[in-house]
Each structure stands twice: as C-alpha cells, then as structure tokens.
Protein backbone atom coordinates (compact mmCIF):
# COMPACT_ATOMS: atom_id res chain seq x y z
CA UNK A 1 27.96 48.91 -52.76
CA UNK A 2 31.72 48.41 -52.80
CA UNK A 3 33.41 45.18 -51.76
CA UNK A 4 34.40 46.54 -48.36
CA UNK A 5 30.82 47.47 -47.53
CA UNK A 6 29.58 44.06 -48.67
CA UNK A 7 32.10 42.31 -46.43
CA UNK A 8 31.09 44.48 -43.48
CA UNK A 9 27.39 43.66 -43.91
CA UNK A 10 28.12 39.92 -44.21
CA UNK A 11 30.27 39.97 -41.10
CA UNK A 12 27.57 41.79 -39.14
CA UNK A 13 24.97 39.25 -40.33
CA UNK A 14 27.13 36.34 -39.25
CA UNK A 15 27.64 37.86 -35.81
CA UNK A 16 23.87 38.35 -35.37
CA UNK A 17 23.10 34.80 -36.46
CA UNK A 18 25.83 33.49 -34.23
CA UNK A 19 24.37 35.34 -31.25
CA UNK A 20 20.91 34.01 -32.05
CA UNK A 21 22.31 30.51 -32.25
CA UNK A 22 23.89 30.91 -28.83
CA UNK A 23 20.64 32.34 -27.48
CA UNK A 24 18.79 29.24 -28.69
CA UNK A 25 21.36 26.95 -27.10
CA UNK A 26 21.15 28.83 -23.81
CA UNK A 27 17.35 28.76 -23.94
CA UNK A 28 17.38 25.02 -24.47
CA UNK A 29 19.70 24.60 -21.53
CA UNK A 30 17.29 26.57 -19.37
CA UNK A 31 14.24 24.66 -20.60
CA UNK A 32 15.65 21.19 -20.01
CA UNK A 33 15.28 21.19 -16.18
CA UNK A 34 11.69 22.45 -16.52
CA UNK A 35 10.78 19.74 -19.00
CA UNK A 36 12.20 17.05 -16.74
CA UNK A 37 10.80 18.51 -13.55
CA UNK A 38 9.52 15.70 -11.33
CA UNK A 39 5.95 15.90 -10.14
CA UNK A 40 6.22 15.92 -6.37
CA UNK A 41 4.01 13.82 -4.13
CA UNK A 42 2.46 15.41 -1.06
CA UNK A 43 4.67 15.28 2.00
CA UNK A 44 1.59 14.81 4.16
CA UNK A 45 1.15 11.11 4.86
CA UNK A 46 -2.12 9.29 5.42
CA UNK A 47 -1.20 5.75 6.50
CA UNK A 48 -3.87 3.12 7.12
CA UNK A 49 -3.67 -0.49 8.28
CA UNK A 50 -6.28 -3.10 7.34
CA UNK A 51 -5.98 -6.10 9.64
CA UNK A 52 -7.26 -9.58 8.84
CA UNK A 53 -8.20 -11.10 12.22
CA UNK A 54 -9.45 -14.38 10.76
CA UNK A 55 -8.21 -17.76 11.97
CA UNK A 56 -4.99 -17.22 10.02
CA UNK A 57 -3.60 -15.67 13.24
CA UNK A 58 -4.49 -18.73 15.37
CA UNK A 59 -1.14 -20.11 16.62
CA UNK A 60 -2.69 -23.54 17.20
CA UNK A 61 -4.38 -23.94 13.82
CA UNK A 62 -1.48 -22.34 11.94
CA UNK A 63 1.66 -22.91 14.02
CA UNK A 64 5.09 -21.77 12.93
CA UNK A 65 8.22 -22.72 14.82
CA UNK A 66 10.19 -19.68 13.66
CA UNK A 67 7.59 -17.10 14.71
CA UNK A 68 3.80 -17.13 15.01
CA UNK A 69 2.06 -15.31 12.17
CA UNK A 70 0.31 -12.85 14.46
CA UNK A 71 3.69 -11.85 15.91
CA UNK A 72 4.93 -11.18 12.39
CA UNK A 73 1.97 -8.85 11.87
CA UNK A 74 2.91 -7.00 15.04
CA UNK A 75 6.47 -6.63 13.79
CA UNK A 76 5.28 -5.25 10.43
CA UNK A 77 3.02 -2.71 12.14
CA UNK A 78 5.87 -1.59 14.36
CA UNK A 79 8.19 -1.14 11.38
CA UNK A 80 5.67 1.04 9.55
CA UNK A 81 5.04 3.10 12.69
CA UNK A 82 8.77 3.68 13.09
CA UNK A 83 9.03 5.00 9.53
CA UNK A 84 6.02 7.23 10.21
CA UNK A 85 7.66 8.60 13.37
CA UNK A 86 10.91 9.24 11.50
CA UNK A 87 8.94 11.07 8.81
CA UNK A 88 7.37 13.34 11.43
CA UNK A 89 10.81 13.99 12.89
CA UNK A 90 12.03 15.43 9.58
CA UNK A 91 9.16 17.91 9.14
CA UNK A 92 8.93 21.45 10.41
CA UNK A 93 6.10 21.97 12.88
CA UNK A 94 4.20 24.36 10.64
CA UNK A 95 4.06 21.70 7.92
CA UNK A 96 2.64 18.94 10.12
CA UNK A 97 -0.53 17.39 8.73
CA UNK A 98 -0.19 13.61 8.87
CA UNK A 99 -2.44 10.69 9.79
CA UNK A 100 -2.12 7.09 10.90
CA UNK A 101 -4.99 4.72 11.72
CA UNK A 102 -6.04 1.09 11.87
CA UNK A 103 -9.14 -0.68 10.52
CA UNK A 104 -10.82 -4.10 10.44
CA UNK A 105 -13.58 -5.52 8.27
CA UNK A 106 -15.74 -6.81 9.72
CA UNK A 107 -15.31 -5.12 13.08
CA UNK A 108 -14.50 -7.61 15.86
CA UNK A 109 -17.35 -8.50 18.20
CA UNK A 110 -15.07 -7.80 21.15
CA UNK A 111 -15.71 -4.18 22.14
CA UNK A 112 -12.35 -3.96 23.88
CA UNK A 113 -10.56 -4.58 20.58
CA UNK A 114 -12.57 -1.82 18.92
CA UNK A 115 -11.78 0.51 21.80
CA UNK A 116 -8.05 -0.16 21.46
CA UNK A 117 -8.17 0.46 17.71
CA UNK A 118 -9.56 3.95 18.34
CA UNK A 119 -6.48 4.70 20.43
CA UNK A 120 -4.37 3.99 17.35
CA UNK A 121 -5.99 6.74 15.29
CA UNK A 122 -3.87 9.89 15.18
CA UNK A 123 -3.86 13.12 13.23
CA UNK A 124 -0.73 15.20 13.76
CA UNK A 125 -0.98 18.90 12.86
CA UNK A 126 0.87 22.13 13.60
CA UNK A 127 -1.72 22.81 16.30
CA UNK A 128 -1.16 19.65 18.37
CA UNK A 129 2.41 18.61 17.61
CA UNK A 130 4.61 18.04 20.65
CA UNK A 131 7.30 15.66 21.83
CA UNK A 132 4.74 14.10 24.17
CA UNK A 133 2.43 13.34 21.24
CA UNK A 134 5.26 11.76 19.23
CA UNK A 135 6.18 9.59 22.22
CA UNK A 136 2.51 8.66 22.65
CA UNK A 137 2.22 7.50 19.03
CA UNK A 138 5.45 5.52 19.28
CA UNK A 139 4.38 3.80 22.50
CA UNK A 140 0.85 3.13 21.25
CA UNK A 141 2.02 1.37 18.10
CA UNK A 142 4.68 -0.53 20.04
CA UNK A 143 2.21 -2.01 22.53
CA UNK A 144 -1.44 -1.81 21.52
CA UNK A 145 -1.36 -4.00 18.37
CA UNK A 146 -0.15 -6.91 20.49
CA UNK A 147 -3.11 -6.39 22.84
CA UNK A 148 -5.49 -6.53 19.85
CA UNK A 149 -4.05 -9.82 18.59
CA UNK A 150 -3.94 -11.39 22.05
CA UNK A 151 -7.59 -10.54 22.65
CA UNK A 152 -8.63 -11.85 19.23
CA UNK A 153 -6.78 -15.13 19.80
CA UNK A 154 -8.14 -15.47 23.32
CA UNK A 155 -11.72 -14.99 22.08
CA UNK A 156 -11.21 -17.47 19.25
CA UNK A 157 -14.19 -15.93 17.49
CA UNK A 158 -12.71 -15.68 14.00
CA UNK A 159 -15.34 -14.20 11.70
CA UNK A 160 -13.26 -14.02 8.53
CA UNK A 161 -12.04 -11.09 6.47
CA UNK A 162 -14.38 -9.05 4.30
CA UNK A 163 -11.67 -7.26 2.34
CA UNK A 164 -13.66 -7.17 -0.90
CA UNK A 165 -16.58 -5.32 0.76
CA UNK A 166 -14.15 -2.98 2.55
CA UNK A 167 -12.80 -1.94 -0.84
CA UNK A 168 -16.30 -1.63 -2.24
CA UNK A 169 -17.87 0.47 0.49
CA UNK A 170 -15.24 2.03 2.73
CA UNK A 171 -11.80 2.43 1.23
CA UNK A 172 -12.38 5.81 -0.45
CA UNK A 173 -13.92 7.28 2.71
CA UNK A 174 -11.45 5.77 5.17
CA UNK A 175 -8.12 5.58 3.38
CA UNK A 176 -8.01 8.15 0.56
CA UNK A 177 -7.87 11.91 1.03
CA UNK A 178 -6.94 14.73 -1.31
CA UNK A 179 -3.73 16.54 -0.46
CA UNK A 180 -2.16 13.46 1.10
CA UNK A 181 0.13 10.67 0.11
CA UNK A 182 -2.25 7.78 0.87
CA UNK A 183 -0.70 4.47 1.88
CA UNK A 184 -2.62 1.33 2.83
CA UNK A 185 -0.90 -1.58 4.58
CA UNK A 186 -2.94 -4.79 4.31
CA UNK A 187 -2.01 -7.64 6.66
CA UNK A 188 -3.41 -10.80 5.10
CA UNK A 189 -2.46 -14.34 4.17
CA UNK A 190 -3.87 -13.56 0.74
CA UNK A 191 -7.13 -15.42 1.20
CA UNK A 192 -10.37 -13.43 1.44
CA UNK A 193 -13.55 -14.92 2.83
CA UNK A 194 -16.62 -13.80 4.73
CA UNK A 195 -19.90 -15.67 5.05
CA UNK A 196 -21.95 -12.61 4.07
CA UNK A 197 -19.86 -11.78 1.01
CA UNK A 198 -19.85 -14.73 -1.36
CA UNK A 199 -20.65 -13.35 -4.80
CA UNK A 200 -19.99 -14.67 -8.29
CA UNK A 201 -20.04 -13.14 -11.74
CA UNK A 202 -19.11 -16.03 -13.98
CA UNK A 203 -15.71 -17.20 -12.73
CA UNK A 204 -15.09 -13.90 -10.98
CA UNK A 205 -15.76 -13.89 -7.24
CA UNK A 206 -15.58 -11.74 -4.12
CA UNK A 207 -13.45 -14.27 -2.25
CA UNK A 208 -10.62 -16.75 -2.60
CA UNK A 209 -9.78 -19.77 -0.43
CA UNK A 210 -7.59 -22.87 -0.82
CA UNK A 211 -10.78 -24.84 -1.46
CA UNK A 212 -11.96 -22.58 -4.30
CA UNK A 213 -8.54 -22.68 -5.94
CA UNK A 214 -8.63 -26.44 -5.86
CA UNK A 215 -12.27 -26.56 -7.01
CA UNK A 216 -11.43 -24.32 -9.96
CA UNK A 217 -8.59 -26.71 -10.87
CA UNK A 218 -5.93 -24.03 -10.57
CA UNK A 219 -3.52 -26.51 -9.02
CA UNK A 220 -1.31 -27.44 -11.95
CA UNK A 221 1.21 -25.82 -14.29
CA UNK A 222 -1.57 -24.64 -16.63
CA UNK A 223 -3.05 -22.33 -13.96
CA UNK A 224 -2.06 -19.09 -15.73
CA UNK A 225 -3.61 -19.91 -19.10
CA UNK A 226 -6.71 -21.27 -17.34
CA UNK A 227 -7.09 -18.05 -15.32
CA UNK A 228 -6.76 -15.94 -18.45
CA UNK A 229 -8.94 -18.07 -20.73
CA UNK A 230 -11.70 -18.71 -18.18
CA UNK A 231 -11.48 -15.22 -16.61
CA UNK A 232 -10.82 -16.13 -12.98
CA UNK A 233 -10.18 -13.40 -10.43
CA UNK A 234 -11.83 -11.00 -8.02
CA UNK A 235 -14.97 -9.18 -9.13
CA UNK A 236 -13.72 -5.71 -10.18
CA UNK A 237 -15.04 -2.64 -8.42
CA UNK A 238 -15.93 0.74 -9.86
CA UNK A 239 -13.19 2.47 -7.87
CA UNK A 240 -10.46 4.88 -8.92
CA UNK A 241 -7.61 4.18 -6.50
CA UNK A 242 -4.90 5.93 -8.48
CA UNK A 243 -4.19 8.08 -5.39
CA UNK A 244 -3.56 5.08 -3.14
CA UNK A 245 -0.41 3.02 -2.62
CA UNK A 246 -0.91 -0.51 -1.27
CA UNK A 247 1.50 -2.84 0.49
CA UNK A 248 0.17 -6.35 1.20
CA UNK A 249 2.15 -8.27 3.82
CA UNK A 250 1.75 -11.79 5.14
CA UNK A 251 0.89 -13.90 2.08
CA UNK A 252 0.89 -17.50 3.30
CA UNK A 253 -0.13 -19.92 0.52
CA UNK A 254 -1.27 -23.47 1.06
CA UNK A 255 1.81 -25.66 0.77
CA UNK A 256 -0.13 -28.47 -0.93
CA UNK A 257 -0.27 -26.50 -4.18
CA UNK A 258 3.12 -25.32 -5.52
CA UNK A 259 1.35 -22.71 -7.69
CA UNK A 260 -0.83 -21.28 -4.93
CA UNK A 261 1.40 -18.29 -4.20
CA UNK A 262 1.46 -17.22 -7.85
CA UNK A 263 -2.31 -17.63 -8.14
CA UNK A 264 -3.02 -15.56 -5.02
CA UNK A 265 -0.72 -12.75 -6.13
CA UNK A 266 -2.22 -12.77 -9.63
CA UNK A 267 -5.72 -12.37 -8.14
CA UNK A 268 -4.58 -9.35 -6.12
CA UNK A 269 -2.46 -7.76 -8.85
CA UNK A 270 -5.20 -7.97 -11.44
CA UNK A 271 -7.69 -6.49 -8.96
CA UNK A 272 -5.40 -3.58 -8.11
CA UNK A 273 -4.64 -2.92 -11.77
CA UNK A 274 -8.34 -2.70 -12.63
CA UNK A 275 -8.82 -0.13 -9.84
CA UNK A 276 -5.95 1.98 -11.13
CA UNK A 277 -3.54 1.40 -8.24
CA UNK A 278 -0.23 2.66 -9.62
CA UNK A 279 2.07 1.50 -6.85
CA UNK A 280 1.73 -1.75 -4.90
CA UNK A 281 3.70 -4.68 -3.59
CA UNK A 282 2.55 -8.09 -2.39
CA UNK A 283 4.95 -9.89 -0.05
CA UNK A 284 4.98 -13.20 1.79
CA UNK A 285 4.86 -13.73 5.55
CA UNK A 286 8.59 -13.41 6.11
CA UNK A 287 10.21 -12.59 9.44
CA UNK A 288 9.82 -8.92 10.47
CA UNK A 289 13.60 -8.48 10.56
CA UNK A 290 13.75 -9.46 6.88
CA UNK A 291 10.72 -7.38 5.92
CA UNK A 292 11.91 -4.20 7.60
CA UNK A 293 13.90 -3.06 4.55
CA UNK A 294 11.03 -3.90 2.19
CA UNK A 295 8.67 -1.81 4.31
CA UNK A 296 11.06 1.13 4.61
CA UNK A 297 11.84 1.11 0.88
CA UNK A 298 8.15 1.03 -0.05
CA UNK A 299 7.05 3.78 2.31
CA UNK A 300 10.03 6.06 1.74
CA UNK A 301 10.05 5.71 -2.06
CA UNK A 302 7.66 8.36 -3.31
C-alpha cells in the first residue's frame, strides 16, 4: 500500500472515530434528563385531620390572651381547607379524585359532634365535581369546625386523646390509600393520654404527659442522653407509613420545664421515624396568621 493510500485509510478511520465520539456525547446528553427524572407524587390528594378534643381546648383551664387554643385549631383547619380548594381549582374535571375528612379518637360522646364530622367528609371526582360542591366544601370547613369545638367545650366532657391506638388500629384504613398523596394533619398539644391506653414496655409507653416527663426525670439539661441511654419514647408500632405525610400543629409544652418542647418533639420524631414516615413537621401552637405559610409550604411541597 502506497503512502497516499495509507494516509487515506488513516483519515477515514479518524473521521469514523470522531463521529462515534460525537455520538457518545450526544447519547450522554440525551440520557442525563432520564437519569435525573424526578419521581412524581400522585396529584390526587387524600387529606385527613385528627383532632384532639381533650381538655387542652378548654379556654378556662388553658387560657391564652392572644387567642384561645381551640380558635387556633380552627384557623389551622381553615388554612388547610383553603389549600385543598385551591388544589381542586387547578385540576381538570376529568382528573378529579381527591378526598378530605376529619377524625377523632376516641369519638366524642356527643352525637351532634359526630354528625357534624360526617358533613366534613368529601370525595371529589369527575362524576360529582361542580361549582356548587366546591362552594359547599369551602363553607363547611369555614363554619363546621367551630361548631365542633364549641359543642365540645360546652359539654366539658374531655375524654382525652387516644392517638397511639388510632395509629395502631385505624390509620392505615382511614388515612392511607394507594394512588393518593396521603396527608395527615394532627392537631395536638403534643401530649397523648387516654385512660384505656396506658401501656408500658420498659421505658417505652403509649402516652406522654407533663407528669410522666417529670416522673421520668426528663426535666434537666441531660434529658437527651437519658432518653437515649434509658430508651424513653412511644412504643413503636408495626406500621409502614412511608406513604403518609404528617403535619403536627399545636404543640404547647408545659412552661415549668424549659426542655419540655424538645422532649415532646423527640418522642414524636422517633415514633414517626420508626414507622417509616418520610416527610413530617411538628410545629408549636402559633397564631394561625403565622402558621399559614408553614401549612401552605408543607402541603404544596410534594
């Protein structure tokens, strides 16, 4: 092969390799968006409220000059409902398949309260969507929660909050559904107690009160190491709640213990972590006007 032929072959080889190199680069450019593709969360919302109607809402036993705690709850509920309504307003009718509902545990003895709570259970689909229904949901969540709290306060029959048993027996059936973005809003001061649900497994328990925190000597700067070393916390449950987002609002720690807030939140966080909850926030009983952004950010960030 003469020198001219050799040069021609080499040049052709270089051109082929160059093209292949460009092909690889282009392929990588095309693959990058696929590799980084974000896993989308269902645009069908399933929002649940779990209300604590214990004596924490009593304006006489727990007064607050800025705003009664039960009124703060009402404001939080209204903020969530507004976000839910806005969400429905952005969807096309054929894609409607969203839920919102409200629960208690235990159920109040007042049948009127239970009747009102049923009126706050809605499923919006392509078959029933209408402007009248959207207005009905908006009006119901603007007015009926206040009726529930007023009746509970008027009765004064505070039977505690059985949140631990609700998680044990009901949460998967009531608040978690496949094909939905499941969001649970818990309105609680952070303390859990019900007479029928007082269980212990070593230092783990099904409840937490200011008295138990004090009894367990978690009222000094060594509280964290004591909790870890002595294994304090809620009794874990055999639940997979990886498909549930939880927002706890209304934490109201006893002011006599400067570490109480941290202890309460640690109890809840550890409990959620053990059940696989991937997204949660635990916030204090701030004014509804201040909490509105927190609520919107949590619910809208998916």
